[in-house]
C-alpha atoms as a PDB file:
ATOM      1  CA  UNK A   1      -0.025  -0.013  -0.014  1.00  0.00           C
ATOM      2  CA  UNK A   2       1.667   3.213  -1.203  1.00  0.00           C
ATOM      3  CA  UNK A   3      -0.132   5.898   0.639  1.00  0.00           C
ATOM      4  CA  UNK A   4       2.467   8.643   0.010  1.00  0.00           C
ATOM      5  CA  UNK A   5       2.440   7.890  -3.717  1.00  0.00           C
ATOM      6  CA  UNK A   6      -1.454   7.577  -3.859  1.00  0.00           C
ATOM      7  CA  UNK A   7      -1.841  10.826  -2.147  1.00  0.00           C
ATOM      8  CA  UNK A   8       0.395  13.040  -4.277  1.00  0.00           C
ATOM      9  CA  UNK A   9      -0.977  16.549  -4.894  1.00  0.00           C
ATOM     10  CA  UNK A  10      -1.635  15.625  -8.490  1.00  0.00           C
ATOM     11  CA  UNK A  11      -3.777  12.579  -7.654  1.00  0.00           C
ATOM     12  CA  UNK A  12      -5.608  14.560  -5.110  1.00  0.00           C
ATOM     13  CA  UNK A  13      -6.464  17.264  -7.602  1.00  0.00           C
ATOM     14  CA  UNK A  14      -7.393  14.535  -9.997  1.00  0.00           C
ATOM     15  CA  UNK A  15      -9.829  12.911  -7.646  1.00  0.00           C
ATOM     16  CA  UNK A  16     -11.383  16.295  -6.577  1.00  0.00           C
ATOM     17  CA  UNK A  17     -11.910  17.199 -10.346  1.00  0.00           C
ATOM     18  CA  UNK A  18     -13.890  13.945 -10.610  1.00  0.00           C
ATOM     19  CA  UNK A  19     -15.766  14.674  -7.402  1.00  0.00           C
ATOM     20  CA  UNK A  20     -16.702  18.144  -8.850  1.00  0.00           C
ATOM     21  CA  UNK A  21     -18.245  16.175 -11.902  1.00  0.00           C
ATOM     22  CA  UNK A  22     -20.056  14.080  -9.364  1.00  0.00           C
ATOM     23  CA  UNK A  23     -21.497  17.132  -7.659  1.00  0.00           C
ATOM     24  CA  UNK A  24     -22.329  18.941 -10.907  1.00  0.00           C
ATOM     25  CA  UNK A  25     -24.264  15.815 -12.413  1.00  0.00           C
ATOM     26  CA  UNK A  26     -25.780  15.099  -8.975  1.00  0.00           C
ATOM     27  CA  UNK A  27     -26.926  18.770  -8.692  1.00  0.00           C
ATOM     28  CA  UNK A  28     -28.441  19.153 -12.077  1.00  0.00           C
ATOM     29  CA  UNK A  29     -30.211  15.755 -11.698  1.00  0.00           C
ATOM     30  CA  UNK A  30     -31.591  16.828  -8.390  1.00  0.00           C
ATOM     31  CA  UNK A  31     -33.204  20.003  -9.879  1.00  0.00           C
ATOM     32  CA  UNK A  32     -34.774  18.072 -12.934  1.00  0.00           C
ATOM     33  CA  UNK A  33     -35.790  15.040 -10.964  1.00  0.00           C
ATOM     34  CA  UNK A  34     -37.501  17.199  -8.288  1.00  0.00           C
ATOM     35  CA  UNK A  35     -39.428  19.253 -10.971  1.00  0.00           C
ATOM     36  CA  UNK A  36     -40.641  16.201 -12.855  1.00  0.00           C
ATOM     37  CA  UNK A  37     -41.223  14.178  -9.633  1.00  0.00           C
ATOM     38  CA  UNK A  38     -43.336  16.980  -8.279  1.00  0.00           C
ATOM     39  CA  UNK A  39     -45.475  17.042 -11.382  1.00  0.00           C
ATOM     40  CA  UNK A  40     -46.008  13.293 -11.462  1.00  0.00           C
ATOM     41  CA  UNK A  41     -46.596  13.139  -7.794  1.00  0.00           C
ATOM     42  CA  UNK A  42     -49.308  16.053  -7.768  1.00  0.00           C
ATOM     43  CA  UNK A  43     -50.880  14.596 -10.800  1.00  0.00           C
ATOM     44  CA  UNK A  44     -51.314  11.184  -9.169  1.00  0.00           C
ATOM     45  CA  UNK A  45     -52.516  12.833  -5.936  1.00  0.00           C
ATOM     46  CA  UNK A  46     -55.023  14.981  -7.758  1.00  0.00           C
ATOM     47  CA  UNK A  47     -56.191  11.898  -9.628  1.00  0.00           C
ATOM     48  CA  UNK A  48     -56.396  13.776 -12.905  1.00  0.00           C
ATOM     49  CA  UNK A  49     -58.381  11.589 -15.441  1.00  0.00           C
ATOM     50  CA  UNK A  50     -56.034   9.708 -17.791  1.00  0.00           C
ATOM     51  CA  UNK A  51     -53.005  11.606 -16.780  1.00  0.00           C
ATOM     52  CA  UNK A  52     -52.999   9.975 -13.340  1.00  0.00           C
ATOM     53  CA  UNK A  53     -53.223   6.526 -14.874  1.00  0.00           C
ATOM     54  CA  UNK A  54     -50.365   7.430 -17.287  1.00  0.00           C
ATOM     55  CA  UNK A  55     -48.334   8.951 -14.444  1.00  0.00           C
ATOM     56  CA  UNK A  56     -48.821   5.904 -12.280  1.00  0.00           C
ATOM     57  CA  UNK A  57     -47.959   3.516 -15.214  1.00  0.00           C
ATOM     58  CA  UNK A  58     -44.694   5.422 -15.765  1.00  0.00           C
ATOM     59  CA  UNK A  59     -43.588   5.578 -12.145  1.00  0.00           C
ATOM     60  CA  UNK A  60     -44.206   1.957 -11.379  1.00  0.00           C
ATOM     61  CA  UNK A  61     -42.286   0.900 -14.321  1.00  0.00           C
ATOM     62  CA  UNK A  62     -39.318   3.070 -13.671  1.00  0.00           C
ATOM     63  CA  UNK A  63     -39.305   2.286  -9.852  1.00  0.00           C
ATOM     64  CA  UNK A  64     -38.960  -1.446 -10.754  1.00  0.00           C
ATOM     65  CA  UNK A  65     -36.056  -1.119 -13.205  1.00  0.00           C
ATOM     66  CA  UNK A  66     -32.454  -1.000 -12.043  1.00  0.00           C
ATOM     67  CA  UNK A  67     -30.754   2.358 -12.486  1.00  0.00           C
ATOM     68  CA  UNK A  68     -27.876   0.680 -14.215  1.00  0.00           C
ATOM     69  CA  UNK A  69     -30.324  -0.662 -17.038  1.00  0.00           C
ATOM     70  CA  UNK A  70     -31.626   3.034 -17.487  1.00  0.00           C
ATOM     71  CA  UNK A  71     -28.123   4.276 -17.864  1.00  0.00           C
ATOM     72  CA  UNK A  72     -27.300   1.748 -20.485  1.00  0.00           C
ATOM     73  CA  UNK A  73     -30.579   2.379 -22.194  1.00  0.00           C
ATOM     74  CA  UNK A  74     -29.954   6.140 -22.440  1.00  0.00           C
ATOM     75  CA  UNK A  75     -26.411   5.844 -23.572  1.00  0.00           C
ATOM     76  CA  UNK A  76     -26.469   2.975 -25.857  1.00  0.00           C
ATOM     77  CA  UNK A  77     -30.145   2.493 -26.949  1.00  0.00           C
ATOM     78  CA  UNK A  78     -31.218   6.199 -27.629  1.00  0.00           C
ATOM     79  CA  UNK A  79     -28.636   6.885 -30.202  1.00  0.00           C
ATOM     80  CA  UNK A  80     -30.231   3.894 -32.169  1.00  0.00           C
ATOM     81  CA  UNK A  81     -33.310   6.142 -32.685  1.00  0.00           C
ATOM     82  CA  UNK A  82     -31.407   9.309 -33.545  1.00  0.00           C
ATOM     83  CA  UNK A  83     -31.087  10.715 -29.890  1.00  0.00           C
ATOM     84  CA  UNK A  84     -27.287  10.908 -29.031  1.00  0.00           C
ATOM     85  CA  UNK A  85     -26.110  12.595 -25.926  1.00  0.00           C
ATOM     86  CA  UNK A  86     -22.832  13.227 -24.506  1.00  0.00           C
ATOM     87  CA  UNK A  87     -21.664  11.073 -21.461  1.00  0.00           C
ATOM     88  CA  UNK A  88     -22.424  13.779 -18.935  1.00  0.00           C
ATOM     89  CA  UNK A  89     -26.102  14.408 -20.217  1.00  0.00           C
ATOM     90  CA  UNK A  90     -26.628  10.733 -20.630  1.00  0.00           C
ATOM     91  CA  UNK A  91     -25.929  10.246 -16.990  1.00  0.00           C
ATOM     92  CA  UNK A  92     -28.000  13.177 -15.940  1.00  0.00           C
ATOM     93  CA  UNK A  93     -30.877  12.041 -18.027  1.00  0.00           C
ATOM     94  CA  UNK A  94     -30.827   8.516 -16.672  1.00  0.00           C
ATOM     95  CA  UNK A  95     -30.547   9.782 -13.008  1.00  0.00           C
ATOM     96  CA  UNK A  96     -33.350  12.258 -13.667  1.00  0.00           C
ATOM     97  CA  UNK A  97     -35.614   9.538 -15.118  1.00  0.00           C
ATOM     98  CA  UNK A  98     -34.889   7.176 -12.157  1.00  0.00           C
ATOM     99  CA  UNK A  99     -34.921   9.666  -9.330  1.00  0.00           C
ATOM    100  CA  UNK A 100     -38.061  11.480 -10.413  1.00  0.00           C
ATOM    101  CA  UNK A 101     -40.144   8.313 -10.142  1.00  0.00           C
ATOM    102  CA  UNK A 102     -38.942   7.843  -6.645  1.00  0.00           C
ATOM    103  CA  UNK A 103     -39.576  11.512  -5.849  1.00  0.00           C
ATOM    104  CA  UNK A 104     -43.105  11.339  -7.236  1.00  0.00           C
ATOM    105  CA  UNK A 105     -43.960   8.607  -4.855  1.00  0.00           C
ATOM    106  CA  UNK A 106     -42.612  10.648  -1.934  1.00  0.00           C
ATOM    107  CA  UNK A 107     -44.455  13.633  -2.846  1.00  0.00           C
ATOM    108  CA  UNK A 108     -47.743  11.711  -3.439  1.00  0.00           C
ATOM    109  CA  UNK A 109     -47.374   9.981  -0.071  1.00  0.00           C
ATOM    110  CA  UNK A 110     -46.623  13.318   1.568  1.00  0.00           C
ATOM    111  CA  UNK A 111     -49.761  14.849   0.041  1.00  0.00           C
ATOM    112  CA  UNK A 112     -51.845  11.866   1.004  1.00  0.00           C
ATOM    113  CA  UNK A 113     -50.712  12.045   4.611  1.00  0.00           C
ATOM    114  CA  UNK A 114     -52.487  15.254   4.938  1.00  0.00           C
ATOM    115  CA  UNK A 115     -55.941  14.524   6.492  1.00  0.00           C
ATOM    116  CA  UNK A 116     -58.725  14.663   3.888  1.00  0.00           C
ATOM    117  CA  UNK A 117     -60.592  16.942   6.084  1.00  0.00           C
ATOM    118  CA  UNK A 118     -58.122  19.674   5.163  1.00  0.00           C
ATOM    119  CA  UNK A 119     -59.245  19.560   1.660  1.00  0.00           C
ATOM    120  CA  UNK A 120     -62.914  19.568   2.529  1.00  0.00           C
ATOM    121  CA  UNK A 121     -62.467  22.591   4.915  1.00  0.00           C
ATOM    122  CA  UNK A 122     -60.623  24.508   2.099  1.00  0.00           C
ATOM    123  CA  UNK A 123     -63.306  23.816  -0.337  1.00  0.00           C
ATOM    124  CA  UNK A 124     -66.138  24.643   2.007  1.00  0.00           C
ATOM    125  CA  UNK A 125     -64.513  28.051   2.708  1.00  0.00           C
ATOM    126  CA  UNK A 126     -64.638  28.949  -0.845  1.00  0.00           C
ATOM    127  CA  UNK A 127     -61.352  28.042  -2.226  1.00  0.00           C
ATOM    128  CA  UNK A 128     -61.008  26.248  -5.488  1.00  0.00           C
ATOM    129  CA  UNK A 129     -59.310  22.783  -5.579  1.00  0.00           C
ATOM    130  CA  UNK A 130     -56.161  24.380  -6.980  1.00  0.00           C
ATOM    131  CA  UNK A 131     -55.980  27.145  -4.228  1.00  0.00           C
ATOM    132  CA  UNK A 132     -56.804  24.503  -1.543  1.00  0.00           C
ATOM    133  CA  UNK A 133     -53.912  22.252  -2.779  1.00  0.00           C
ATOM    134  CA  UNK A 134     -51.525  25.207  -2.992  1.00  0.00           C
ATOM    135  CA  UNK A 135     -52.246  27.066   0.144  1.00  0.00           C
ATOM    136  CA  UNK A 136     -53.367  24.250   2.550  1.00  0.00           C
ATOM    137  CA  UNK A 137     -52.434  20.848   1.410  1.00  0.00           C
ATOM    138  CA  UNK A 138     -48.807  21.543   0.039  1.00  0.00           C
ATOM    139  CA  UNK A 139     -47.565  23.405   2.993  1.00  0.00           C
ATOM    140  CA  UNK A 140     -48.522  20.653   5.362  1.00  0.00           C
ATOM    141  CA  UNK A 141     -47.403  17.855   3.079  1.00  0.00           C
ATOM    142  CA  UNK A 142     -43.921  19.556   2.736  1.00  0.00           C
ATOM    143  CA  UNK A 143     -43.205  19.147   6.315  1.00  0.00           C
ATOM    144  CA  UNK A 144     -43.469  15.446   5.834  1.00  0.00           C
ATOM    145  CA  UNK A 145     -41.771  15.355   2.498  1.00  0.00           C
ATOM    146  CA  UNK A 146     -38.559  17.127   3.210  1.00  0.00           C
ATOM    147  CA  UNK A 147     -36.705  14.495   5.295  1.00  0.00           C
ATOM    148  CA  UNK A 148     -37.299  11.601   2.765  1.00  0.00           C
ATOM    149  CA  UNK A 149     -36.656  13.993  -0.091  1.00  0.00           C
ATOM    150  CA  UNK A 150     -33.197  14.858   1.326  1.00  0.00           C
ATOM    151  CA  UNK A 151     -32.542  11.213   1.843  1.00  0.00           C
ATOM    152  CA  UNK A 152     -33.430  10.652  -1.681  1.00  0.00           C
ATOM    153  CA  UNK A 153     -30.955  13.204  -2.792  1.00  0.00           C
ATOM    154  CA  UNK A 154     -28.352  11.582  -0.772  1.00  0.00           C
ATOM    155  CA  UNK A 155     -29.058   8.375  -2.659  1.00  0.00           C
ATOM    156  CA  UNK A 156     -28.727  10.127  -5.846  1.00  0.00           C
ATOM    157  CA  UNK A 157     -25.412  11.529  -4.986  1.00  0.00           C
ATOM    158  CA  UNK A 158     -24.169   7.923  -4.441  1.00  0.00           C
ATOM    159  CA  UNK A 159     -25.846   6.631  -7.557  1.00  0.00           C
ATOM    160  CA  UNK A 160     -23.674   8.877  -9.710  1.00  0.00           C
ATOM    161  CA  UNK A 161     -20.986   6.472  -9.177  1.00  0.00           C
ATOM    162  CA  UNK A 162     -23.009   4.013 -11.456  1.00  0.00           C
ATOM    163  CA  UNK A 163     -22.232   6.175 -14.289  1.00  0.00           C
ATOM    164  CA  UNK A 164     -18.610   4.808 -14.299  1.00  0.00           C
ATOM    165  CA  UNK A 165     -20.006   2.094 -16.600  1.00  0.00           C
ATOM    166  CA  UNK A 166     -20.123   4.660 -19.413  1.00  0.00           C
ATOM    167  CA  UNK A 167     -16.954   6.363 -18.667  1.00  0.00           C
ATOM    168  CA  UNK A 168     -18.311   9.497 -16.886  1.00  0.00           C
ATOM    169  CA  UNK A 169     -15.188  11.159 -15.445  1.00  0.00           C
ATOM    170  CA  UNK A 170     -16.548  11.440 -11.979  1.00  0.00           C
ATOM    171  CA  UNK A 171     -14.719  10.469  -8.811  1.00  0.00           C
ATOM    172  CA  UNK A 172     -15.023   6.766  -8.952  1.00  0.00           C
ATOM    173  CA  UNK A 173     -13.871   6.720 -12.646  1.00  0.00           C
ATOM    174  CA  UNK A 174     -10.898   8.823 -11.797  1.00  0.00           C
ATOM    175  CA  UNK A 175     -10.186   6.522  -8.820  1.00  0.00           C
ATOM    176  CA  UNK A 176     -10.106   3.568 -11.112  1.00  0.00           C
ATOM    177  CA  UNK A 177      -7.748   5.322 -13.574  1.00  0.00           C
ATOM    178  CA  UNK A 178      -5.313   6.031 -10.673  1.00  0.00           C
ATOM    179  CA  UNK A 179      -5.559   2.420  -9.484  1.00  0.00           C
ATOM    180  CA  UNK A 180      -4.635   1.231 -12.982  1.00  0.00           C
ATOM    181  CA  UNK A 181      -1.347   3.136 -12.685  1.00  0.00           C
ATOM    182  CA  UNK A 182      -0.287   1.268  -9.759  1.00  0.00           C
ATOM    183  CA  UNK A 183      -1.784  -1.630  -7.821  1.00  0.00           C
ATOM    184  CA  UNK A 184      -0.488  -0.405  -4.527  1.00  0.00           C
ATOM    185  CA  UNK A 185      -2.808   2.686  -4.887  1.00  0.00           C
ATOM    186  CA  UNK A 186      -5.987   0.654  -4.739  1.00  0.00           C
ATOM    187  CA  UNK A 187      -6.642   0.595  -0.895  1.00  0.00           C
ATOM    188  CA  UNK A 188      -5.339   4.216  -0.245  1.00  0.00           C
ATOM    189  CA  UNK A 189      -7.331   5.590  -3.250  1.00  0.00           C
ATOM    190  CA  UNK A 190     -10.611   3.652  -2.332  1.00  0.00           C
ATOM    191  CA  UNK A 191     -10.228   4.665   1.304  1.00  0.00           C
ATOM    192  CA  UNK A 192      -9.950   8.400   0.325  1.00  0.00           C
ATOM    193  CA  UNK A 193     -13.012   8.125  -2.001  1.00  0.00           C
ATOM    194  CA  UNK A 194     -14.866   6.471   0.793  1.00  0.00           C
ATOM    195  CA  UNK A 195     -13.876   9.289   3.144  1.00  0.00           C
ATOM    196  CA  UNK A 196     -15.164  11.945   0.714  1.00  0.00           C
ATOM    197  CA  UNK A 197     -18.529  10.236   0.164  1.00  0.00           C
ATOM    198  CA  UNK A 198     -18.849   9.823   3.902  1.00  0.00           C
ATOM    199  CA  UNK A 199     -18.268  13.342   4.744  1.00  0.00           C
ATOM    200  CA  UNK A 200     -20.687  14.732   2.117  1.00  0.00           C
ATOM    201  CA  UNK A 201     -23.472  12.147   2.757  1.00  0.00           C
ATOM    202  CA  UNK A 202     -23.080  12.328   6.480  1.00  0.00           C
ATOM    203  CA  UNK A 203     -23.406  16.110   6.469  1.00  0.00           C
ATOM    204  CA  UNK A 204     -26.693  15.780   4.172  1.00  0.00           C
ATOM    205  CA  UNK A 205     -27.964  13.285   6.567  1.00  0.00           C
ATOM    206  CA  UNK A 206     -27.500  15.524   9.461  1.00  0.00           C
ATOM    207  CA  UNK A 207     -29.390  18.182   7.547  1.00  0.00           C
ATOM    208  CA  UNK A 208     -32.243  15.611   7.069  1.00  0.00           C
ATOM    209  CA  UNK A 209     -32.476  14.904  10.770  1.00  0.00           C
ATOM    210  CA  UNK A 210     -32.408  18.539  11.630  1.00  0.00           C
ATOM    211  CA  UNK A 211     -35.235  19.103   9.291  1.00  0.00           C
ATOM    212  CA  UNK A 212     -37.165  16.032  10.427  1.00  0.00           C
ATOM    213  CA  UNK A 213     -36.947  17.394  14.015  1.00  0.00           C
ATOM    214  CA  UNK A 214     -38.043  20.833  12.971  1.00  0.00           C
ATOM    215  CA  UNK A 215     -40.851  19.854  10.815  1.00  0.00           C
END
């Protein structure tokens, strides 16, 4: 185990460049998956005719597929029908598709956890369905949604490592590149990668716990 060689400044910088790609891909995927997941979740909660059934069908299919399969499909299958994306955007699209299904279920469950009497009270006070949903149901549901949503974001950050299979130059990919240079780097490099993941994800988990206590 060559810790000194593995932890040279050049190697550390190389790993951190990969980690920056990890954060970039995760951040963009979080934004897109949250927006798409919110739309799908609200459609299912509101039971909009036809759209609710289509949304449920899509969500259930995606939730029961492995993320790795979705990554392969986006990167290798879509070009066969004329849709060719870069490695980075292929990873972002695959993560967005997968995580939006998970978030849709979290959001739907959060809205369903609000007592039905709240909707009835809002409607009886003269508010429209949309106004009641926006001003009464959503604020209460968000309190229950935030902790599991943050937990799902933590999972998304870890799931970016699966994009190593399409050579996305994120942290795990760069770790493998360094390990290929010297077999004695394997344990030191993977230990450092584990520490970086742990620090970031543990910090996010503390945020989730704090939010859960305050909600």
